[in-house]
Amino acid sequence: QVQLVESGGGLVQAGGSLRLSCTASGNFLSIDTKGWYRQAPGMQRELVAAITSGGAVRYADSVLGRFTISRDAADNTFFLQMNSLRRENRAVYSCLARTLSPLGAFEYWGQGTKVTVSS
């Protein structure tokens, strides 16, 4: 089991920056992939960024060059640095941890944090 707690959302002006954090507890060493998803009103949830235990990263095309996913040295907290925010980036952002074991793959989600971007 993995528990995820997010922080860092809020209100920011267009062009500004926010950093989201997601801290894992429990069996966090079993996490293979850490990711950030978002869901805007009326839209489906979409992947924003992900990082594997091997360090491979993946970004949505719309955030390339503006958002950065990273993790701390203890590997139990990961971040989403969001720069040059745009109004269309407003959404509820949720972190995800995916674990792999002989029993299969399991996904754990944070509680979600709202990001509002004003013009």
C-alpha atoms as a PDB file:
ATOM      1  CA  GLN A   1       0.000   0.000   0.000  1.00  0.00           C
ATOM      2  CA  VAL A   2       1.105   3.514  -0.805  1.00  0.00           C
ATOM      3  CA  GLN A   3      -0.405   6.724   0.476  1.00  0.00           C
ATOM      4  CA  LEU A   4       0.062   9.983  -1.393  1.00  0.00           C
ATOM      5  CA  VAL A   5      -0.383  13.497  -0.055  1.00  0.00           C
ATOM      6  CA  GLU A   6      -0.258  16.457  -2.383  1.00  0.00           C
ATOM      7  CA  SER A   7       0.404  20.103  -1.775  1.00  0.00           C
ATOM      8  CA  GLY A   8       1.200  23.235  -3.696  1.00  0.00           C
ATOM      9  CA  GLY A   9      -1.860  24.127  -5.708  1.00  0.00           C
ATOM     10  CA  GLY A  10      -3.466  27.533  -5.642  1.00  0.00           C
ATOM     11  CA  LEU A  11      -4.138  30.675  -7.598  1.00  0.00           C
ATOM     12  CA  VAL A  12      -1.523  32.191  -9.869  1.00  0.00           C
ATOM     13  CA  GLN A  13      -1.517  34.773 -12.602  1.00  0.00           C
ATOM     14  CA  ALA A  14      -0.899  33.741 -16.176  1.00  0.00           C
ATOM     15  CA  GLY A  15       2.829  33.582 -16.768  1.00  0.00           C
ATOM     16  CA  GLY A  16       3.517  32.682 -13.168  1.00  0.00           C
ATOM     17  CA  SER A  17       4.820  29.510 -11.584  1.00  0.00           C
ATOM     18  CA  LEU A  18       3.702  26.903  -9.091  1.00  0.00           C
ATOM     19  CA  ARG A  19       5.348  23.808  -7.710  1.00  0.00           C
ATOM     20  CA  LEU A  20       3.275  20.822  -6.751  1.00  0.00           C
ATOM     21  CA  SER A  21       4.555  18.211  -4.335  1.00  0.00           C
ATOM     22  CA  CYS A  22       3.458  14.660  -3.742  1.00  0.00           C
ATOM     23  CA  THR A  23       4.792  12.791  -0.742  1.00  0.00           C
ATOM     24  CA  ALA A  24       4.510   9.035  -0.610  1.00  0.00           C
ATOM     25  CA  SER A  25       4.357   6.902   2.499  1.00  0.00           C
ATOM     26  CA  GLY A  26       3.919   3.227   3.090  1.00  0.00           C
ATOM     27  CA  ASN A  27       5.600   0.933   0.638  1.00  0.00           C
ATOM     28  CA  PHE A  28       6.929   3.793  -1.482  1.00  0.00           C
ATOM     29  CA  LEU A  29      10.083   1.921  -2.446  1.00  0.00           C
ATOM     30  CA  SER A  30       7.880  -0.326  -4.570  1.00  0.00           C
ATOM     31  CA  ILE A  31       6.831   2.577  -6.784  1.00  0.00           C
ATOM     32  CA  ASP A  32       7.899   2.071 -10.382  1.00  0.00           C
ATOM     33  CA  THR A  33       6.309   5.116 -11.968  1.00  0.00           C
ATOM     34  CA  LYS A  34       5.369   8.477 -10.501  1.00  0.00           C
ATOM     35  CA  GLY A  35       3.161  10.800 -12.447  1.00  0.00           C
ATOM     36  CA  TRP A  36       1.009  13.867 -12.521  1.00  0.00           C
ATOM     37  CA  TYR A  37      -2.394  13.975 -14.169  1.00  0.00           C
ATOM     38  CA  ARG A  38      -4.891  16.780 -14.464  1.00  0.00           C
ATOM     39  CA  GLN A  39      -8.566  17.127 -15.121  1.00  0.00           C
ATOM     40  CA  ALA A  40     -10.070  20.375 -16.279  1.00  0.00           C
ATOM     41  CA  PRO A  41     -13.821  21.018 -15.971  1.00  0.00           C
ATOM     42  CA  GLY A  42     -15.716  19.043 -18.566  1.00  0.00           C
ATOM     43  CA  MET A  43     -12.591  17.300 -19.768  1.00  0.00           C
ATOM     44  CA  GLN A  44     -11.116  13.863 -19.358  1.00  0.00           C
ATOM     45  CA  ARG A  45      -8.192  13.322 -17.068  1.00  0.00           C
ATOM     46  CA  GLU A  46      -4.918  13.496 -18.935  1.00  0.00           C
ATOM     47  CA  LEU A  47      -1.290  12.726 -18.261  1.00  0.00           C
ATOM     48  CA  VAL A  48       0.860  15.768 -17.628  1.00  0.00           C
ATOM     49  CA  ALA A  49       4.211  14.199 -16.767  1.00  0.00           C
ATOM     50  CA  ALA A  50       5.645  10.948 -15.490  1.00  0.00           C
ATOM     51  CA  ILE A  51       8.978   9.637 -14.313  1.00  0.00           C
ATOM     52  CA  THR A  52      10.024   6.030 -13.905  1.00  0.00           C
ATOM     53  CA  SER A  53      12.297   4.530 -11.295  1.00  0.00           C
ATOM     54  CA  GLY A  54      14.969   4.420 -13.981  1.00  0.00           C
ATOM     55  CA  GLY A  55      14.678   8.132 -14.566  1.00  0.00           C
ATOM     56  CA  ALA A  56      12.856   8.112 -17.890  1.00  0.00           C
ATOM     57  CA  VAL A  57      10.486  11.054 -18.178  1.00  0.00           C
ATOM     58  CA  ARG A  58       7.481  11.733 -20.327  1.00  0.00           C
ATOM     59  CA  TYR A  59       5.523  14.944 -20.838  1.00  0.00           C
ATOM     60  CA  ALA A  60       2.340  15.965 -22.521  1.00  0.00           C
ATOM     61  CA  ASP A  61       3.207  17.943 -25.633  1.00  0.00           C
ATOM     62  CA  SER A  62       1.392  20.998 -24.319  1.00  0.00           C
ATOM     63  CA  VAL A  63       3.684  21.346 -21.294  1.00  0.00           C
ATOM     64  CA  LEU A  64       7.039  20.571 -22.879  1.00  0.00           C
ATOM     65  CA  GLY A  65       9.615  23.160 -21.940  1.00  0.00           C
ATOM     66  CA  ARG A  66       7.393  24.689 -19.252  1.00  0.00           C
ATOM     67  CA  PHE A  67       6.758  21.895 -16.753  1.00  0.00           C
ATOM     68  CA  THR A  68       9.352  19.687 -15.078  1.00  0.00           C
ATOM     69  CA  ILE A  69       8.819  16.521 -13.077  1.00  0.00           C
ATOM     70  CA  SER A  70      11.453  15.607 -10.518  1.00  0.00           C
ATOM     71  CA  ARG A  71      11.920  13.637  -7.332  1.00  0.00           C
ATOM     72  CA  ASP A  72      13.904  14.078  -4.170  1.00  0.00           C
ATOM     73  CA  ALA A  73      16.940  12.073  -3.121  1.00  0.00           C
ATOM     74  CA  ALA A  74      14.937   9.919  -0.741  1.00  0.00           C
ATOM     75  CA  ASP A  75      12.622   9.125  -3.654  1.00  0.00           C
ATOM     76  CA  ASN A  76       9.513   9.518  -1.555  1.00  0.00           C
ATOM     77  CA  THR A  77       8.542  12.982  -2.732  1.00  0.00           C
ATOM     78  CA  PHE A  78       8.128  14.077  -6.293  1.00  0.00           C
ATOM     79  CA  PHE A  79       7.388  17.422  -7.768  1.00  0.00           C
ATOM     80  CA  LEU A  80       5.849  19.160 -10.706  1.00  0.00           C
ATOM     81  CA  GLN A  81       7.398  22.538 -11.388  1.00  0.00           C
ATOM     82  CA  MET A  82       5.053  24.524 -13.565  1.00  0.00           C
ATOM     83  CA  ASN A  83       6.351  27.660 -15.241  1.00  0.00           C
ATOM     84  CA  SER A  84       4.771  30.064 -17.706  1.00  0.00           C
ATOM     85  CA  LEU A  85       1.329  28.947 -16.643  1.00  0.00           C
ATOM     86  CA  ARG A  86      -1.559  29.601 -18.983  1.00  0.00           C
ATOM     87  CA  ARG A  87      -5.280  29.852 -18.326  1.00  0.00           C
ATOM     88  CA  GLU A  88      -5.775  26.535 -20.074  1.00  0.00           C
ATOM     89  CA  ASN A  89      -3.565  24.871 -17.461  1.00  0.00           C
ATOM     90  CA  ARG A  90      -6.186  25.371 -14.766  1.00  0.00           C
ATOM     91  CA  ALA A  91      -7.366  22.014 -13.519  1.00  0.00           C
ATOM     92  CA  VAL A  92      -7.298  19.673 -10.591  1.00  0.00           C
ATOM     93  CA  TYR A  93      -3.881  18.056 -10.573  1.00  0.00           C
ATOM     94  CA  SER A  94      -3.472  14.621  -9.059  1.00  0.00           C
ATOM     95  CA  CYS A  95      -0.377  12.599  -8.448  1.00  0.00           C
ATOM     96  CA  LEU A  96      -0.143   8.928  -9.221  1.00  0.00           C
ATOM     97  CA  ALA A  97       2.124   6.169  -8.040  1.00  0.00           C
ATOM     98  CA  ARG A  98       2.222   2.893  -9.876  1.00  0.00           C
ATOM     99  CA  THR A  99       3.776  -0.129  -8.213  1.00  0.00           C
ATOM    100  CA  LEU A 100       4.837  -3.392  -9.720  1.00  0.00           C
ATOM    101  CA  SER A 101       4.941  -6.698  -7.904  1.00  0.00           C
ATOM    102  CA  PRO A 102       4.488 -10.376  -8.685  1.00  0.00           C
ATOM    103  CA  LEU A 103       0.800  -9.768  -7.926  1.00  0.00           C
ATOM    104  CA  GLY A 104       0.545  -7.214 -10.694  1.00  0.00           C
ATOM    105  CA  ALA A 105       0.438  -3.469 -11.129  1.00  0.00           C
ATOM    106  CA  PHE A 106      -1.383  -1.205  -8.699  1.00  0.00           C
ATOM    107  CA  GLU A 107      -2.139   2.475  -8.880  1.00  0.00           C
ATOM    108  CA  TYR A 108      -2.470   4.925  -6.029  1.00  0.00           C
ATOM    109  CA  TRP A 109      -3.743   8.478  -6.295  1.00  0.00           C
ATOM    110  CA  GLY A 110      -3.306  11.625  -4.330  1.00  0.00           C
ATOM    111  CA  GLN A 111      -6.291  13.663  -3.213  1.00  0.00           C
ATOM    112  CA  GLY A 112      -5.914  16.225  -5.970  1.00  0.00           C
ATOM    113  CA  THR A 113      -4.975  19.869  -5.755  1.00  0.00           C
ATOM    114  CA  LYS A 114      -6.625  22.681  -7.650  1.00  0.00           C
ATOM    115  CA  VAL A 115      -4.632  24.999  -9.825  1.00  0.00           C
ATOM    116  CA  THR A 116      -6.302  28.197 -10.941  1.00  0.00           C
ATOM    117  CA  VAL A 117      -4.661  30.502 -13.449  1.00  0.00           C
ATOM    118  CA  SER A 118      -6.037  33.999 -13.800  1.00  0.00           C
ATOM    119  CA  SER A 119      -5.554  36.256 -16.777  1.00  0.00           C
END
